[in-house]
Amino acid sequence: MTKNIRIHLADDHQIIIHGIQTLLNTVPNFQVVGFSLNGTTVYEDVINNRADVLVLDISMPEKDGIEVVKEFAAKGFPCRVIILSSYDDLKLIKEIMDMGVTGYLTKQCAGDSIIEAVQAVAKGEEYFCETIREKIFSHATKNNPKLNTYKPNVNPLLTEREIEIIILIALEYSGKEISEQLFISTNTVETHRKNIMKKLKAKNTIGIVKYAMNNHLVIS
């Protein structure tokens, strides 16, 4: 039996809360257990509702989303946190992720990504919506002469994130450097590496690099 995922929403606009709740309610094992309209009550509301996942607007009245995250970090995270924001500034995103947040969505892509984001962070995975993920990767590989900007057909079993990891490995980034560049944990990087090796039937990192070169993901 699939365990229910208890979700708390924090936004100062009830119409946005209603819209997100309507989307989340289409998933059988999602349960929206409450909402907050200002930042000062979020921590206690999450505790009282025993939420597994918090979807938090960064622009909250009285105490903004960043202050709420700092409170969570100081007191111990009682749940997984997904930030919902109009901002796509990479410095801000890195700062928030470094504090312990595991998901980040722009409001423009929330409708397409919120369900997948909740499912991912509830399992302990980090999640970025597509526009943010692409912006982070583009910044990580900026001006690298070995990056092939043309995206050829690759193994359909590979996710977009796994392709990015393959490229960075082939560009000689260490696991720690990949973690820092993509704003994800080293454990997540290692999990991706193991999944990639399994999908490619590669015995080691050399096999991953060969795959990147043979499929023109990087320029040799």
N, C-alpha and C. Protein backbone atom coordinates (compact mmCIF):
# COMPACT_ATOMS: atom_id res chain seq x y z
N MET A 1 0.84 -1.20 0.00
CA MET A 1 0.00 0.00 0.00
C MET A 1 0.88 1.25 0.00
N THR A 2 0.59 2.19 -0.88
CA THR A 2 1.39 3.41 -0.99
C THR A 2 1.10 4.34 0.18
N LYS A 3 2.15 4.80 0.83
CA LYS A 3 2.01 5.71 1.97
C LYS A 3 1.54 7.08 1.50
N ASN A 4 0.59 7.66 2.22
CA ASN A 4 0.14 9.00 1.90
C ASN A 4 1.24 10.02 2.17
N ILE A 5 1.36 11.00 1.31
CA ILE A 5 2.31 12.11 1.49
C ILE A 5 1.52 13.31 1.97
N ARG A 6 1.83 13.75 3.17
CA ARG A 6 1.12 14.88 3.79
C ARG A 6 1.81 16.19 3.39
N ILE A 7 1.05 17.10 2.82
CA ILE A 7 1.61 18.32 2.23
C ILE A 7 1.02 19.56 2.88
N HIS A 8 1.89 20.50 3.24
CA HIS A 8 1.45 21.80 3.77
C HIS A 8 1.83 22.88 2.76
N LEU A 9 0.95 23.83 2.53
CA LEU A 9 1.17 24.91 1.57
C LEU A 9 1.32 26.24 2.31
N ALA A 10 2.28 27.06 1.88
CA ALA A 10 2.48 28.38 2.49
C ALA A 10 2.59 29.43 1.40
N ASP A 11 1.57 30.27 1.31
CA ASP A 11 1.52 31.35 0.32
C ASP A 11 0.54 32.39 0.83
N ASP A 12 0.81 33.65 0.56
CA ASP A 12 -0.09 34.68 1.08
C ASP A 12 -1.28 34.95 0.17
N HIS A 13 -1.39 34.21 -0.93
CA HIS A 13 -2.53 34.34 -1.83
C HIS A 13 -3.36 33.05 -1.80
N GLN A 14 -4.55 33.15 -1.29
CA GLN A 14 -5.39 31.96 -1.17
C GLN A 14 -5.74 31.37 -2.53
N ILE A 15 -5.82 32.21 -3.56
CA ILE A 15 -6.15 31.70 -4.89
C ILE A 15 -5.04 30.78 -5.41
N ILE A 16 -3.77 31.10 -5.07
CA ILE A 16 -2.64 30.24 -5.46
C ILE A 16 -2.69 28.94 -4.67
N ILE A 17 -2.96 29.05 -3.37
CA ILE A 17 -3.09 27.85 -2.54
C ILE A 17 -4.17 26.94 -3.10
N HIS A 18 -5.31 27.54 -3.46
CA HIS A 18 -6.42 26.74 -4.00
C HIS A 18 -6.01 26.05 -5.30
N GLY A 19 -5.28 26.79 -6.18
CA GLY A 19 -4.85 26.22 -7.45
C GLY A 19 -3.89 25.05 -7.27
N ILE A 20 -2.92 25.21 -6.36
CA ILE A 20 -1.95 24.14 -6.10
C ILE A 20 -2.66 22.95 -5.46
N GLN A 21 -3.54 23.23 -4.51
CA GLN A 21 -4.25 22.15 -3.84
C GLN A 21 -5.10 21.35 -4.82
N THR A 22 -5.73 22.04 -5.77
CA THR A 22 -6.53 21.36 -6.78
C THR A 22 -5.68 20.40 -7.60
N LEU A 23 -4.48 20.85 -7.97
CA LEU A 23 -3.56 19.99 -8.72
C LEU A 23 -3.12 18.79 -7.89
N LEU A 24 -2.71 19.05 -6.66
CA LEU A 24 -2.20 17.98 -5.80
C LEU A 24 -3.28 16.96 -5.46
N ASN A 25 -4.50 17.41 -5.38
CA ASN A 25 -5.60 16.50 -5.03
C ASN A 25 -5.92 15.50 -6.14
N THR A 26 -5.31 15.68 -7.30
CA THR A 26 -5.52 14.70 -8.39
C THR A 26 -4.68 13.44 -8.18
N VAL A 27 -3.74 13.49 -7.23
CA VAL A 27 -2.87 12.34 -6.95
C VAL A 27 -3.43 11.59 -5.74
N PRO A 28 -3.76 10.31 -5.89
CA PRO A 28 -4.44 9.56 -4.83
C PRO A 28 -3.74 9.57 -3.47
N ASN A 29 -2.41 9.48 -3.46
CA ASN A 29 -1.72 9.39 -2.16
C ASN A 29 -1.20 10.73 -1.65
N PHE A 30 -1.63 11.83 -2.27
CA PHE A 30 -1.29 13.16 -1.77
C PHE A 30 -2.41 13.65 -0.86
N GLN A 31 -2.04 14.23 0.26
CA GLN A 31 -3.03 14.78 1.18
C GLN A 31 -2.58 16.16 1.64
N VAL A 32 -3.27 17.21 1.18
CA VAL A 32 -2.97 18.56 1.63
C VAL A 32 -3.57 18.73 3.02
N VAL A 33 -2.71 18.89 4.02
CA VAL A 33 -3.17 18.87 5.42
C VAL A 33 -3.33 20.25 6.02
N GLY A 34 -2.95 21.30 5.30
CA GLY A 34 -3.11 22.64 5.84
C GLY A 34 -2.39 23.68 5.01
N PHE A 35 -2.57 24.95 5.40
CA PHE A 35 -1.89 26.03 4.70
C PHE A 35 -1.61 27.18 5.66
N SER A 36 -0.62 28.00 5.30
CA SER A 36 -0.26 29.20 6.06
C SER A 36 -0.30 30.40 5.14
N LEU A 37 -0.79 31.54 5.67
CA LEU A 37 -0.89 32.76 4.86
C LEU A 37 0.19 33.77 5.21
N ASN A 38 0.98 33.50 6.26
CA ASN A 38 2.13 34.36 6.56
C ASN A 38 3.25 33.52 7.14
N GLY A 39 4.46 34.05 7.06
CA GLY A 39 5.64 33.27 7.40
C GLY A 39 5.80 32.95 8.87
N THR A 40 5.19 33.74 9.74
CA THR A 40 5.43 33.58 11.17
C THR A 40 4.83 32.28 11.72
N THR A 41 3.82 31.75 11.06
CA THR A 41 3.14 30.56 11.59
C THR A 41 3.57 29.26 10.92
N VAL A 42 4.41 29.35 9.89
CA VAL A 42 4.70 28.17 9.07
C VAL A 42 5.28 27.02 9.87
N TYR A 43 6.31 27.29 10.69
CA TYR A 43 6.97 26.20 11.40
C TYR A 43 5.99 25.45 12.30
N GLU A 44 5.25 26.19 13.11
CA GLU A 44 4.29 25.55 14.02
C GLU A 44 3.18 24.85 13.25
N ASP A 45 2.74 25.45 12.16
CA ASP A 45 1.68 24.82 11.35
C ASP A 45 2.14 23.47 10.80
N VAL A 46 3.39 23.44 10.32
CA VAL A 46 3.95 22.20 9.77
C VAL A 46 4.04 21.13 10.86
N ILE A 47 4.50 21.53 12.05
CA ILE A 47 4.60 20.60 13.17
C ILE A 47 3.22 20.06 13.54
N ASN A 48 2.27 20.97 13.69
CA ASN A 48 0.92 20.57 14.11
C ASN A 48 0.24 19.66 13.09
N ASN A 49 0.52 19.90 11.81
CA ASN A 49 -0.12 19.12 10.74
C ASN A 49 0.67 17.86 10.37
N ARG A 50 1.85 17.69 10.99
CA ARG A 50 2.70 16.52 10.73
C ARG A 50 2.94 16.33 9.23
N ALA A 51 3.28 17.44 8.58
CA ALA A 51 3.48 17.42 7.13
C ALA A 51 4.79 16.75 6.75
N ASP A 52 4.77 16.04 5.64
CA ASP A 52 5.99 15.43 5.09
C ASP A 52 6.70 16.40 4.15
N VAL A 53 5.92 17.22 3.46
CA VAL A 53 6.46 18.15 2.46
C VAL A 53 5.81 19.52 2.64
N LEU A 54 6.63 20.55 2.59
CA LEU A 54 6.15 21.93 2.62
C LEU A 54 6.43 22.59 1.28
N VAL A 55 5.40 23.18 0.67
CA VAL A 55 5.57 24.00 -0.52
C VAL A 55 5.50 25.45 -0.05
N LEU A 56 6.61 26.16 -0.15
CA LEU A 56 6.77 27.47 0.49
C LEU A 56 7.06 28.58 -0.53
N ASP A 57 6.18 29.58 -0.55
CA ASP A 57 6.43 30.76 -1.38
C ASP A 57 7.55 31.56 -0.73
N ILE A 58 8.48 32.02 -1.54
CA ILE A 58 9.61 32.76 -0.98
C ILE A 58 9.22 34.17 -0.54
N SER A 59 8.14 34.70 -1.11
CA SER A 59 7.69 36.07 -0.78
C SER A 59 6.49 36.01 0.16
N MET A 60 6.75 35.78 1.43
CA MET A 60 5.70 35.70 2.44
C MET A 60 5.70 36.96 3.30
N PRO A 61 4.53 37.40 3.77
CA PRO A 61 4.48 38.57 4.65
C PRO A 61 4.95 38.24 6.06
N GLU A 62 5.42 39.28 6.78
CA GLU A 62 5.87 39.21 8.18
C GLU A 62 7.19 38.45 8.34
N LYS A 63 7.31 37.29 7.71
CA LYS A 63 8.58 36.55 7.70
C LYS A 63 8.68 35.87 6.34
N ASP A 64 9.68 36.29 5.54
CA ASP A 64 9.72 35.75 4.17
C ASP A 64 10.24 34.31 4.15
N GLY A 65 10.20 33.71 2.96
CA GLY A 65 10.55 32.31 2.82
C GLY A 65 11.96 31.99 3.26
N ILE A 66 12.89 32.88 3.00
CA ILE A 66 14.28 32.64 3.41
C ILE A 66 14.39 32.61 4.93
N GLU A 67 13.69 33.52 5.61
CA GLU A 67 13.70 33.52 7.07
C GLU A 67 13.05 32.25 7.62
N VAL A 68 12.00 31.79 6.96
CA VAL A 68 11.35 30.55 7.37
C VAL A 68 12.32 29.37 7.26
N VAL A 69 13.06 29.32 6.13
CA VAL A 69 14.02 28.25 5.92
C VAL A 69 15.12 28.32 6.99
N LYS A 70 15.56 29.51 7.32
CA LYS A 70 16.57 29.67 8.38
C LYS A 70 16.04 29.15 9.72
N GLU A 71 14.76 29.40 9.98
CA GLU A 71 14.15 28.90 11.20
C GLU A 71 14.13 27.37 11.19
N PHE A 72 13.79 26.80 10.04
CA PHE A 72 13.77 25.34 9.91
C PHE A 72 15.17 24.78 10.14
N ALA A 73 16.17 25.44 9.55
CA ALA A 73 17.56 24.96 9.67
C ALA A 73 18.02 25.03 11.13
N ALA A 74 17.61 26.08 11.84
CA ALA A 74 18.04 26.26 13.23
C ALA A 74 17.36 25.25 14.17
N LYS A 75 16.09 24.95 13.89
CA LYS A 75 15.32 24.09 14.78
C LYS A 75 15.31 22.62 14.36
N GLY A 76 15.78 22.37 13.14
CA GLY A 76 15.74 21.01 12.61
C GLY A 76 14.56 20.87 11.67
N PHE A 77 14.83 20.47 10.44
CA PHE A 77 13.77 20.38 9.43
C PHE A 77 12.75 19.30 9.81
N PRO A 78 11.49 19.69 10.02
CA PRO A 78 10.47 18.70 10.32
C PRO A 78 9.89 18.05 9.07
N CYS A 79 10.28 18.55 7.91
CA CYS A 79 9.75 18.02 6.65
C CYS A 79 10.67 18.43 5.50
N ARG A 80 10.39 17.93 4.31
CA ARG A 80 11.10 18.35 3.10
C ARG A 80 10.49 19.66 2.62
N VAL A 81 11.33 20.53 2.06
CA VAL A 81 10.85 21.84 1.64
C VAL A 81 11.06 22.06 0.14
N ILE A 82 10.00 22.52 -0.52
CA ILE A 82 10.07 22.95 -1.91
C ILE A 82 9.80 24.45 -1.94
N ILE A 83 10.74 25.21 -2.48
CA ILE A 83 10.54 26.65 -2.62
C ILE A 83 9.81 26.94 -3.92
N LEU A 84 8.82 27.81 -3.82
CA LEU A 84 8.07 28.29 -4.98
C LEU A 84 8.39 29.78 -5.11
N SER A 85 8.94 30.18 -6.26
CA SER A 85 9.46 31.55 -6.36
C SER A 85 9.32 32.12 -7.76
N SER A 86 9.29 33.44 -7.82
CA SER A 86 9.33 34.15 -9.10
C SER A 86 10.77 34.41 -9.53
N TYR A 87 11.72 34.14 -8.62
CA TYR A 87 13.12 34.45 -8.87
C TYR A 87 13.88 33.22 -9.37
N ASP A 88 14.80 33.45 -10.32
CA ASP A 88 15.64 32.36 -10.81
C ASP A 88 17.12 32.70 -10.68
N ASP A 89 17.44 33.56 -9.70
CA ASP A 89 18.82 33.96 -9.44
C ASP A 89 19.60 32.78 -8.86
N LEU A 90 20.68 32.38 -9.52
CA LEU A 90 21.42 31.18 -9.11
C LEU A 90 22.08 31.34 -7.75
N LYS A 91 22.53 32.54 -7.43
CA LYS A 91 23.15 32.77 -6.12
C LYS A 91 22.14 32.54 -5.01
N LEU A 92 20.93 33.03 -5.21
CA LEU A 92 19.86 32.85 -4.23
C LEU A 92 19.49 31.37 -4.11
N ILE A 93 19.38 30.68 -5.24
CA ILE A 93 19.01 29.27 -5.24
C ILE A 93 20.06 28.45 -4.49
N LYS A 94 21.33 28.71 -4.77
CA LYS A 94 22.41 27.97 -4.08
C LYS A 94 22.37 28.21 -2.58
N GLU A 95 22.15 29.47 -2.19
CA GLU A 95 22.09 29.81 -0.77
C GLU A 95 20.97 29.03 -0.07
N ILE A 96 19.83 28.96 -0.73
CA ILE A 96 18.68 28.27 -0.15
C ILE A 96 18.91 26.76 -0.09
N MET A 97 19.45 26.19 -1.16
CA MET A 97 19.71 24.75 -1.18
C MET A 97 20.76 24.36 -0.14
N ASP A 98 21.75 25.23 0.04
CA ASP A 98 22.79 24.97 1.04
C ASP A 98 22.22 24.95 2.47
N MET A 99 21.07 25.61 2.67
CA MET A 99 20.44 25.63 3.99
C MET A 99 19.62 24.37 4.27
N GLY A 100 19.43 23.54 3.24
CA GLY A 100 18.72 22.28 3.47
C GLY A 100 17.45 22.09 2.68
N VAL A 101 17.09 23.07 1.86
CA VAL A 101 15.92 22.92 0.98
C VAL A 101 16.24 21.87 -0.08
N THR A 102 15.25 21.09 -0.49
CA THR A 102 15.52 20.03 -1.47
C THR A 102 14.79 20.22 -2.80
N GLY A 103 13.96 21.25 -2.91
CA GLY A 103 13.27 21.48 -4.18
C GLY A 103 13.11 22.96 -4.48
N TYR A 104 13.16 23.32 -5.76
CA TYR A 104 13.02 24.73 -6.15
C TYR A 104 12.26 24.80 -7.47
N LEU A 105 11.14 25.53 -7.46
CA LEU A 105 10.32 25.72 -8.66
C LEU A 105 10.08 27.20 -8.89
N THR A 106 10.08 27.61 -10.14
CA THR A 106 9.59 28.95 -10.45
C THR A 106 8.08 28.87 -10.56
N LYS A 107 7.41 29.97 -10.30
CA LYS A 107 5.94 29.98 -10.36
C LYS A 107 5.46 29.72 -11.79
N GLN A 108 6.29 30.07 -12.77
CA GLN A 108 5.91 29.86 -14.16
C GLN A 108 5.80 28.38 -14.51
N CYS A 109 6.60 27.54 -13.85
CA CYS A 109 6.60 26.13 -14.21
C CYS A 109 5.94 25.25 -13.15
N ALA A 110 5.41 25.87 -12.10
CA ALA A 110 4.86 25.11 -10.99
C ALA A 110 3.73 24.19 -11.42
N GLY A 111 2.87 24.69 -12.29
CA GLY A 111 1.73 23.88 -12.73
C GLY A 111 2.15 22.59 -13.39
N ASP A 112 3.27 22.63 -14.12
CA ASP A 112 3.76 21.44 -14.82
C ASP A 112 4.62 20.54 -13.94
N SER A 113 5.18 21.11 -12.86
CA SER A 113 6.22 20.39 -12.12
C SER A 113 5.87 20.04 -10.68
N ILE A 114 4.83 20.64 -10.11
CA ILE A 114 4.60 20.51 -8.67
C ILE A 114 4.38 19.07 -8.22
N ILE A 115 3.65 18.29 -9.01
CA ILE A 115 3.38 16.89 -8.62
C ILE A 115 4.67 16.09 -8.62
N GLU A 116 5.45 16.22 -9.70
CA GLU A 116 6.73 15.51 -9.79
C GLU A 116 7.68 15.95 -8.70
N ALA A 117 7.65 17.25 -8.37
CA ALA A 117 8.53 17.78 -7.33
C ALA A 117 8.20 17.18 -5.96
N VAL A 118 6.93 17.12 -5.62
CA VAL A 118 6.51 16.56 -4.34
C VAL A 118 6.90 15.08 -4.25
N GLN A 119 6.67 14.34 -5.33
CA GLN A 119 7.03 12.92 -5.34
C GLN A 119 8.53 12.73 -5.14
N ALA A 120 9.33 13.59 -5.79
CA ALA A 120 10.79 13.47 -5.70
C ALA A 120 11.30 13.80 -4.31
N VAL A 121 10.93 14.95 -3.77
CA VAL A 121 11.48 15.37 -2.48
C VAL A 121 10.96 14.47 -1.35
N ALA A 122 9.76 13.93 -1.49
CA ALA A 122 9.24 13.02 -0.47
C ALA A 122 10.09 11.77 -0.37
N LYS A 123 10.76 11.40 -1.47
CA LYS A 123 11.66 10.24 -1.48
C LYS A 123 13.08 10.61 -1.07
N GLY A 124 13.30 11.88 -0.74
CA GLY A 124 14.63 12.30 -0.33
C GLY A 124 15.51 12.78 -1.46
N GLU A 125 14.92 13.01 -2.63
CA GLU A 125 15.68 13.48 -3.79
C GLU A 125 15.60 15.00 -3.90
N GLU A 126 16.62 15.60 -4.54
CA GLU A 126 16.56 17.02 -4.85
C GLU A 126 15.81 17.22 -6.17
N TYR A 127 15.12 18.35 -6.28
CA TYR A 127 14.34 18.58 -7.49
C TYR A 127 14.38 20.05 -7.89
N PHE A 128 14.67 20.27 -9.18
CA PHE A 128 14.57 21.60 -9.79
C PHE A 128 13.63 21.49 -10.99
N CYS A 129 12.82 22.52 -11.22
CA CYS A 129 12.02 22.51 -12.44
C CYS A 129 12.97 22.65 -13.64
N GLU A 130 12.48 22.32 -14.80
CA GLU A 130 13.34 22.21 -15.98
C GLU A 130 14.11 23.50 -16.28
N THR A 131 13.44 24.65 -16.19
CA THR A 131 14.11 25.91 -16.52
C THR A 131 15.26 26.20 -15.57
N ILE A 132 15.08 25.91 -14.29
CA ILE A 132 16.13 26.13 -13.29
C ILE A 132 17.26 25.14 -13.50
N ARG A 133 16.92 23.86 -13.72
CA ARG A 133 17.94 22.84 -13.92
C ARG A 133 18.81 23.18 -15.12
N GLU A 134 18.18 23.60 -16.22
CA GLU A 134 18.93 23.95 -17.43
C GLU A 134 19.82 25.17 -17.20
N LYS A 135 19.32 26.14 -16.43
CA LYS A 135 20.11 27.34 -16.15
C LYS A 135 21.33 26.99 -15.29
N ILE A 136 21.14 26.11 -14.30
CA ILE A 136 22.25 25.69 -13.45
C ILE A 136 23.30 24.96 -14.28
N PHE A 137 22.86 24.05 -15.14
CA PHE A 137 23.81 23.28 -15.95
C PHE A 137 24.54 24.19 -16.93
N SER A 138 23.81 25.11 -17.53
CA SER A 138 24.43 26.05 -18.48
C SER A 138 25.52 26.87 -17.79
N HIS A 139 25.25 27.30 -16.56
CA HIS A 139 26.25 28.06 -15.81
C HIS A 139 27.45 27.19 -15.46
N ALA A 140 27.19 25.91 -15.13
CA ALA A 140 28.27 24.99 -14.75
C ALA A 140 29.22 24.71 -15.90
N THR A 141 28.73 24.75 -17.13
CA THR A 141 29.55 24.40 -18.29
C THR A 141 29.87 25.61 -19.16
N LYS A 142 29.61 26.77 -18.65
CA LYS A 142 29.80 28.01 -19.41
C LYS A 142 31.22 28.12 -19.97
N ASN A 143 31.28 28.36 -21.26
CA ASN A 143 32.55 28.59 -21.97
C ASN A 143 33.49 27.39 -21.97
N ASN A 144 32.99 26.21 -21.66
CA ASN A 144 33.85 25.02 -21.72
C ASN A 144 33.98 24.59 -23.17
N PRO A 145 35.17 24.63 -23.74
CA PRO A 145 35.34 24.36 -25.18
C PRO A 145 35.06 22.91 -25.56
N LYS A 146 35.02 22.01 -24.58
CA LYS A 146 34.79 20.60 -24.90
C LYS A 146 33.32 20.21 -24.90
N LEU A 147 32.46 21.14 -24.49
CA LEU A 147 31.04 20.84 -24.46
C LEU A 147 30.44 20.92 -25.86
N ASN A 148 29.77 19.87 -26.26
CA ASN A 148 29.08 19.88 -27.54
C ASN A 148 27.66 20.37 -27.30
N THR A 149 27.33 21.55 -27.79
CA THR A 149 26.01 22.13 -27.53
C THR A 149 24.91 21.42 -28.31
N TYR A 150 25.32 20.67 -29.34
CA TYR A 150 24.34 19.87 -30.08
C TYR A 150 23.96 18.65 -29.25
N LYS A 151 22.65 18.42 -29.11
CA LYS A 151 22.19 17.29 -28.31
C LYS A 151 21.74 16.14 -29.23
N PRO A 152 22.60 15.17 -29.48
CA PRO A 152 22.24 14.04 -30.33
C PRO A 152 21.30 13.08 -29.60
N ASN A 153 20.79 12.11 -30.31
CA ASN A 153 19.96 11.09 -29.66
C ASN A 153 20.85 10.23 -28.77
N VAL A 154 20.40 10.03 -27.54
CA VAL A 154 21.16 9.19 -26.61
C VAL A 154 20.24 8.10 -26.07
N ASN A 155 20.82 7.27 -25.22
CA ASN A 155 20.06 6.17 -24.63
C ASN A 155 18.75 6.69 -24.02
N PRO A 156 17.61 6.21 -24.49
CA PRO A 156 16.32 6.73 -24.00
C PRO A 156 16.06 6.42 -22.53
N LEU A 157 16.84 5.51 -21.97
CA LEU A 157 16.69 5.19 -20.55
C LEU A 157 17.28 6.28 -19.65
N LEU A 158 18.15 7.10 -20.22
CA LEU A 158 18.82 8.14 -19.44
C LEU A 158 17.90 9.35 -19.25
N THR A 159 17.89 9.90 -18.03
CA THR A 159 17.15 11.13 -17.78
C THR A 159 18.02 12.33 -18.19
N GLU A 160 17.40 13.49 -18.28
CA GLU A 160 18.15 14.71 -18.61
C GLU A 160 19.23 14.98 -17.57
N ARG A 161 18.91 14.76 -16.29
CA ARG A 161 19.89 14.96 -15.23
C ARG A 161 21.06 13.99 -15.39
N GLU A 162 20.78 12.75 -15.72
CA GLU A 162 21.85 11.76 -15.89
C GLU A 162 22.75 12.12 -17.07
N ILE A 163 22.17 12.66 -18.13
CA ILE A 163 22.98 13.10 -19.27
C ILE A 163 23.91 14.23 -18.84
N GLU A 164 23.40 15.14 -18.02
CA GLU A 164 24.24 16.23 -17.52
C GLU A 164 25.39 15.69 -16.68
N ILE A 165 25.09 14.71 -15.83
CA ILE A 165 26.14 14.11 -14.99
C ILE A 165 27.19 13.43 -15.87
N ILE A 166 26.75 12.73 -16.89
CA ILE A 166 27.68 12.07 -17.83
C ILE A 166 28.61 13.10 -18.45
N ILE A 167 28.03 14.21 -18.90
CA ILE A 167 28.83 15.26 -19.54
C ILE A 167 29.85 15.82 -18.57
N LEU A 168 29.45 16.10 -17.36
CA LEU A 168 30.38 16.67 -16.38
C LEU A 168 31.48 15.69 -16.00
N ILE A 169 31.13 14.40 -15.91
CA ILE A 169 32.16 13.39 -15.65
C ILE A 169 33.17 13.38 -16.80
N ALA A 170 32.65 13.44 -18.03
CA ALA A 170 33.53 13.43 -19.20
C ALA A 170 34.37 14.70 -19.30
N LEU A 171 33.87 15.78 -18.72
CA LEU A 171 34.63 17.04 -18.69
C LEU A 171 35.58 17.09 -17.50
N GLU A 172 35.74 15.96 -16.82
CA GLU A 172 36.70 15.76 -15.73
C GLU A 172 36.34 16.49 -14.44
N TYR A 173 35.04 16.69 -14.21
CA TYR A 173 34.60 17.23 -12.93
C TYR A 173 34.61 16.09 -11.90
N SER A 174 35.08 16.39 -10.71
CA SER A 174 35.03 15.40 -9.63
C SER A 174 33.61 15.34 -9.08
N GLY A 175 33.33 14.31 -8.27
CA GLY A 175 32.02 14.20 -7.65
C GLY A 175 31.68 15.43 -6.82
N LYS A 176 32.66 15.93 -6.08
CA LYS A 176 32.46 17.12 -5.24
C LYS A 176 32.17 18.33 -6.11
N GLU A 177 32.91 18.47 -7.22
CA GLU A 177 32.69 19.61 -8.12
C GLU A 177 31.31 19.54 -8.78
N ILE A 178 30.87 18.34 -9.15
CA ILE A 178 29.54 18.18 -9.74
C ILE A 178 28.48 18.58 -8.71
N SER A 179 28.69 18.14 -7.48
CA SER A 179 27.77 18.50 -6.39
C SER A 179 27.66 20.01 -6.24
N GLU A 180 28.80 20.67 -6.22
CA GLU A 180 28.82 22.13 -6.03
C GLU A 180 28.22 22.86 -7.22
N GLN A 181 28.51 22.40 -8.42
CA GLN A 181 28.05 23.07 -9.63
C GLN A 181 26.55 22.90 -9.86
N LEU A 182 26.00 21.74 -9.49
CA LEU A 182 24.59 21.46 -9.75
C LEU A 182 23.71 21.67 -8.52
N PHE A 183 24.31 22.11 -7.41
CA PHE A 183 23.57 22.40 -6.17
C PHE A 183 22.88 21.15 -5.62
N ILE A 184 23.52 20.01 -5.75
CA ILE A 184 22.96 18.77 -5.23
C ILE A 184 23.99 18.13 -4.30
N SER A 185 23.56 17.18 -3.48
CA SER A 185 24.46 16.56 -2.52
C SER A 185 25.41 15.58 -3.21
N THR A 186 26.53 15.30 -2.56
CA THR A 186 27.48 14.32 -3.11
C THR A 186 26.84 12.94 -3.14
N ASN A 187 25.96 12.65 -2.19
CA ASN A 187 25.25 11.36 -2.20
C ASN A 187 24.37 11.23 -3.44
N THR A 188 23.73 12.34 -3.82
CA THR A 188 22.89 12.33 -5.02
C THR A 188 23.73 12.12 -6.26
N VAL A 189 24.89 12.76 -6.31
CA VAL A 189 25.80 12.57 -7.44
C VAL A 189 26.20 11.11 -7.55
N GLU A 190 26.54 10.49 -6.43
CA GLU A 190 26.97 9.10 -6.43
C GLU A 190 25.83 8.16 -6.84
N THR A 191 24.63 8.48 -6.40
CA THR A 191 23.46 7.68 -6.80
C THR A 191 23.25 7.76 -8.30
N HIS A 192 23.37 8.98 -8.85
CA HIS A 192 23.24 9.15 -10.30
C HIS A 192 24.33 8.36 -11.04
N ARG A 193 25.54 8.41 -10.50
CA ARG A 193 26.66 7.71 -11.15
C ARG A 193 26.38 6.20 -11.21
N LYS A 194 25.91 5.65 -10.11
CA LYS A 194 25.61 4.21 -10.07
C LYS A 194 24.49 3.85 -11.04
N ASN A 195 23.44 4.70 -11.09
CA ASN A 195 22.33 4.45 -12.01
C ASN A 195 22.77 4.53 -13.47
N ILE A 196 23.67 5.48 -13.76
CA ILE A 196 24.19 5.64 -15.11
C ILE A 196 24.99 4.41 -15.52
N MET A 197 25.86 3.95 -14.63
CA MET A 197 26.68 2.77 -14.94
C MET A 197 25.81 1.55 -15.18
N LYS A 198 24.74 1.43 -14.41
CA LYS A 198 23.84 0.29 -14.59
C LYS A 198 23.12 0.38 -15.95
N LYS A 199 22.63 1.57 -16.29
CA LYS A 199 21.91 1.74 -17.55
C LYS A 199 22.81 1.56 -18.77
N LEU A 200 24.06 2.02 -18.64
CA LEU A 200 25.00 1.93 -19.75
C LEU A 200 25.78 0.61 -19.74
N LYS A 201 25.60 -0.16 -18.67
CA LYS A 201 26.36 -1.40 -18.48
C LYS A 201 27.86 -1.11 -18.50
N ALA A 202 28.19 0.03 -17.88
CA ALA A 202 29.60 0.43 -17.80
C ALA A 202 30.21 -0.12 -16.51
N LYS A 203 31.45 -0.57 -16.58
CA LYS A 203 32.12 -1.16 -15.42
C LYS A 203 32.73 -0.11 -14.51
N ASN A 204 33.03 1.06 -15.07
CA ASN A 204 33.67 2.10 -14.28
C ASN A 204 33.47 3.46 -14.95
N THR A 205 34.12 4.49 -14.39
CA THR A 205 33.97 5.85 -14.90
C THR A 205 34.49 5.97 -16.33
N ILE A 206 35.50 5.18 -16.67
CA ILE A 206 36.03 5.22 -18.05
C ILE A 206 34.94 4.86 -19.05
N GLY A 207 34.10 3.91 -18.68
CA GLY A 207 33.00 3.53 -19.55
C GLY A 207 32.02 4.67 -19.77
N ILE A 208 31.81 5.48 -18.73
CA ILE A 208 30.92 6.65 -18.86
C ILE A 208 31.54 7.68 -19.80
N VAL A 209 32.84 7.91 -19.64
CA VAL A 209 33.54 8.88 -20.49
C VAL A 209 33.51 8.43 -21.95
N LYS A 210 33.74 7.14 -22.18
CA LYS A 210 33.69 6.61 -23.55
C LYS A 210 32.32 6.81 -24.16
N TYR A 211 31.29 6.58 -23.35
CA TYR A 211 29.93 6.77 -23.85
C TYR A 211 29.72 8.22 -24.27
N ALA A 212 30.18 9.16 -23.44
CA ALA A 212 30.02 10.59 -23.74
C ALA A 212 30.72 10.95 -25.04
N MET A 213 31.90 10.41 -25.25
CA MET A 213 32.66 10.71 -26.46
C MET A 213 32.05 10.03 -27.69
N ASN A 214 31.68 8.77 -27.56
CA ASN A 214 31.10 8.03 -28.69
C ASN A 214 29.78 8.61 -29.14
N ASN A 215 29.06 9.26 -28.21
CA ASN A 215 27.77 9.84 -28.54
C ASN A 215 27.84 11.36 -28.70
N HIS A 216 29.08 11.85 -28.80
CA HIS A 216 29.33 13.27 -29.11
C HIS A 216 28.68 14.23 -28.10
N LEU A 217 28.63 13.81 -26.84
CA LEU A 217 28.17 14.71 -25.80
C LEU A 217 29.26 15.73 -25.45
N VAL A 218 30.49 15.31 -25.66
CA VAL A 218 31.63 16.21 -25.49
C VAL A 218 32.53 16.07 -26.70
N ILE A 219 33.35 17.07 -26.90
CA ILE A 219 34.28 17.06 -28.03
C ILE A 219 35.63 16.56 -27.53
N SER A 220 36.11 15.49 -28.11
CA SER A 220 37.38 14.90 -27.67
C SER A 220 38.56 15.69 -28.22
